[in-house]
Amino acid sequence: MTFKTIEYVLAVYETGSFSRAAQRLFISQPALSQAIRKTEEDLGAAIFVRDTHSVRLTAAGELLVREGRELLAKRDE
């Protein structure tokens, strides 16, 4: 997993939307969705629960967001 992947997950979490996160990250929504799907496959666990109008974190996603924020903060120090 790369820092970019963590940034992608955090953007989806913070915006609550794949399309808004893609706009924020200046990438296409399909590219973002594909990156998140690949990450979920690599982890062997879902990060987000998706339905027609919202995106929520799974337990694994909550852990990834918490740890990811710490990693990004350490990177930025």
C-alpha atoms as a PDB file:
ATOM      1  CA  MET A   1       0.000   0.000   0.000  1.00  0.00           C
ATOM      2  CA  THR A   2       1.280   3.435  -0.905  1.00  0.00           C
ATOM      3  CA  PHE A   3       0.775   6.864   0.613  1.00  0.00           C
ATOM      4  CA  LYS A   4      -1.286   7.719  -2.467  1.00  0.00           C
ATOM      5  CA  THR A   5      -3.631   4.820  -1.722  1.00  0.00           C
ATOM      6  CA  ILE A   6      -4.074   6.026   1.853  1.00  0.00           C
ATOM      7  CA  GLU A   7      -4.802   9.524   0.548  1.00  0.00           C
ATOM      8  CA  TYR A   8      -7.442   8.063  -1.770  1.00  0.00           C
ATOM      9  CA  VAL A   9      -9.152   6.195   1.070  1.00  0.00           C
ATOM     10  CA  LEU A  10      -9.095   9.273   3.295  1.00  0.00           C
ATOM     11  CA  ALA A  11     -10.535  11.465   0.540  1.00  0.00           C
ATOM     12  CA  VAL A  12     -13.467   9.091   0.007  1.00  0.00           C
ATOM     13  CA  TYR A  13     -14.046   8.892   3.756  1.00  0.00           C
ATOM     14  CA  GLU A  14     -13.815  12.660   4.287  1.00  0.00           C
ATOM     15  CA  THR A  15     -16.041  13.599   1.349  1.00  0.00           C
ATOM     16  CA  GLY A  16     -18.444  10.671   1.734  1.00  0.00           C
ATOM     17  CA  SER A  17     -18.450  10.190  -2.022  1.00  0.00           C
ATOM     18  CA  PHE A  18     -16.273   8.642  -4.694  1.00  0.00           C
ATOM     19  CA  SER A  19     -17.139  11.382  -7.190  1.00  0.00           C
ATOM     20  CA  ARG A  20     -16.386  14.256  -4.783  1.00  0.00           C
ATOM     21  CA  ALA A  21     -13.165  12.537  -3.681  1.00  0.00           C
ATOM     22  CA  ALA A  22     -12.101  12.121  -7.319  1.00  0.00           C
ATOM     23  CA  GLN A  23     -12.703  15.833  -7.948  1.00  0.00           C
ATOM     24  CA  ARG A  24     -10.679  16.720  -4.865  1.00  0.00           C
ATOM     25  CA  LEU A  25      -7.836  14.440  -5.988  1.00  0.00           C
ATOM     26  CA  PHE A  26      -7.972  15.604  -9.635  1.00  0.00           C
ATOM     27  CA  ILE A  27      -8.474  12.073 -10.967  1.00  0.00           C
ATOM     28  CA  SER A  28     -11.392  10.376 -12.673  1.00  0.00           C
ATOM     29  CA  GLN A  29     -14.027   8.645 -10.569  1.00  0.00           C
ATOM     30  CA  PRO A  30     -13.539   5.294 -12.360  1.00  0.00           C
ATOM     31  CA  ALA A  31      -9.783   5.429 -11.679  1.00  0.00           C
ATOM     32  CA  LEU A  32     -10.427   6.121  -8.001  1.00  0.00           C
ATOM     33  CA  SER A  33     -12.995   3.318  -7.740  1.00  0.00           C
ATOM     34  CA  GLN A  34     -10.594   0.917  -9.423  1.00  0.00           C
ATOM     35  CA  ALA A  35      -7.750   1.876  -7.055  1.00  0.00           C
ATOM     36  CA  ILE A  36      -9.975   1.360  -4.005  1.00  0.00           C
ATOM     37  CA  ARG A  37     -11.266  -1.974  -5.367  1.00  0.00           C
ATOM     38  CA  LYS A  38      -7.665  -3.144  -5.954  1.00  0.00           C
ATOM     39  CA  THR A  39      -6.715  -2.133  -2.428  1.00  0.00           C
ATOM     40  CA  GLU A  40      -9.668  -4.059  -1.032  1.00  0.00           C
ATOM     41  CA  GLU A  41      -8.621  -7.126  -3.040  1.00  0.00           C
ATOM     42  CA  ASP A  42      -5.026  -6.808  -1.814  1.00  0.00           C
ATOM     43  CA  LEU A  43      -6.183  -6.489   1.797  1.00  0.00           C
ATOM     44  CA  GLY A  44      -8.744  -9.248   1.467  1.00  0.00           C
ATOM     45  CA  ALA A  45     -11.315  -7.030   3.165  1.00  0.00           C
ATOM     46  CA  ALA A  46     -13.812  -4.366   2.171  1.00  0.00           C
ATOM     47  CA  ILE A  47     -12.932  -0.812   3.182  1.00  0.00           C
ATOM     48  CA  PHE A  48     -16.273   0.761   2.317  1.00  0.00           C
ATOM     49  CA  VAL A  49     -19.910  -0.300   2.337  1.00  0.00           C
ATOM     50  CA  ARG A  50     -21.421   1.259  -0.756  1.00  0.00           C
ATOM     51  CA  ASP A  51     -25.082   1.871  -1.436  1.00  0.00           C
ATOM     52  CA  THR A  52     -26.860   4.097  -3.904  1.00  0.00           C
ATOM     53  CA  HIS A  53     -26.577   7.289  -1.852  1.00  0.00           C
ATOM     54  CA  SER A  54     -23.747   6.862   0.633  1.00  0.00           C
ATOM     55  CA  VAL A  55     -20.403   5.343   1.454  1.00  0.00           C
ATOM     56  CA  ARG A  56     -19.598   4.065   4.957  1.00  0.00           C
ATOM     57  CA  LEU A  57     -16.468   2.570   6.451  1.00  0.00           C
ATOM     58  CA  THR A  58     -16.307  -1.069   7.454  1.00  0.00           C
ATOM     59  CA  ALA A  59     -14.400  -2.068  10.608  1.00  0.00           C
ATOM     60  CA  ALA A  60     -11.330  -2.672   8.437  1.00  0.00           C
ATOM     61  CA  GLY A  61     -11.853   0.743   6.842  1.00  0.00           C
ATOM     62  CA  GLU A  62     -12.021   2.425  10.250  1.00  0.00           C
ATOM     63  CA  LEU A  63      -8.697   0.855  11.176  1.00  0.00           C
ATOM     64  CA  LEU A  64      -7.161   1.879   7.856  1.00  0.00           C
ATOM     65  CA  VAL A  65      -8.334   5.485   8.260  1.00  0.00           C
ATOM     66  CA  ARG A  66      -7.009   5.702  11.820  1.00  0.00           C
ATOM     67  CA  GLU A  67      -3.621   4.155  10.997  1.00  0.00           C
ATOM     68  CA  GLY A  68      -3.419   5.924   7.642  1.00  0.00           C
ATOM     69  CA  ARG A  69      -3.810   9.350   9.236  1.00  0.00           C
ATOM     70  CA  GLU A  70      -0.966   8.546  11.614  1.00  0.00           C
ATOM     71  CA  LEU A  71       1.269   7.361   8.775  1.00  0.00           C
ATOM     72  CA  LEU A  72       0.593  10.471   6.704  1.00  0.00           C
ATOM     73  CA  ALA A  73       1.269  12.710   9.707  1.00  0.00           C
ATOM     74  CA  LYS A  74       4.605  10.968  10.304  1.00  0.00           C
ATOM     75  CA  ARG A  75       5.458  11.257   6.599  1.00  0.00           C
ATOM     76  CA  ASP A  76       4.763  14.975   6.706  1.00  0.00           C
ATOM     77  CA  GLU A  77       6.940  15.609   9.783  1.00  0.00           C
END
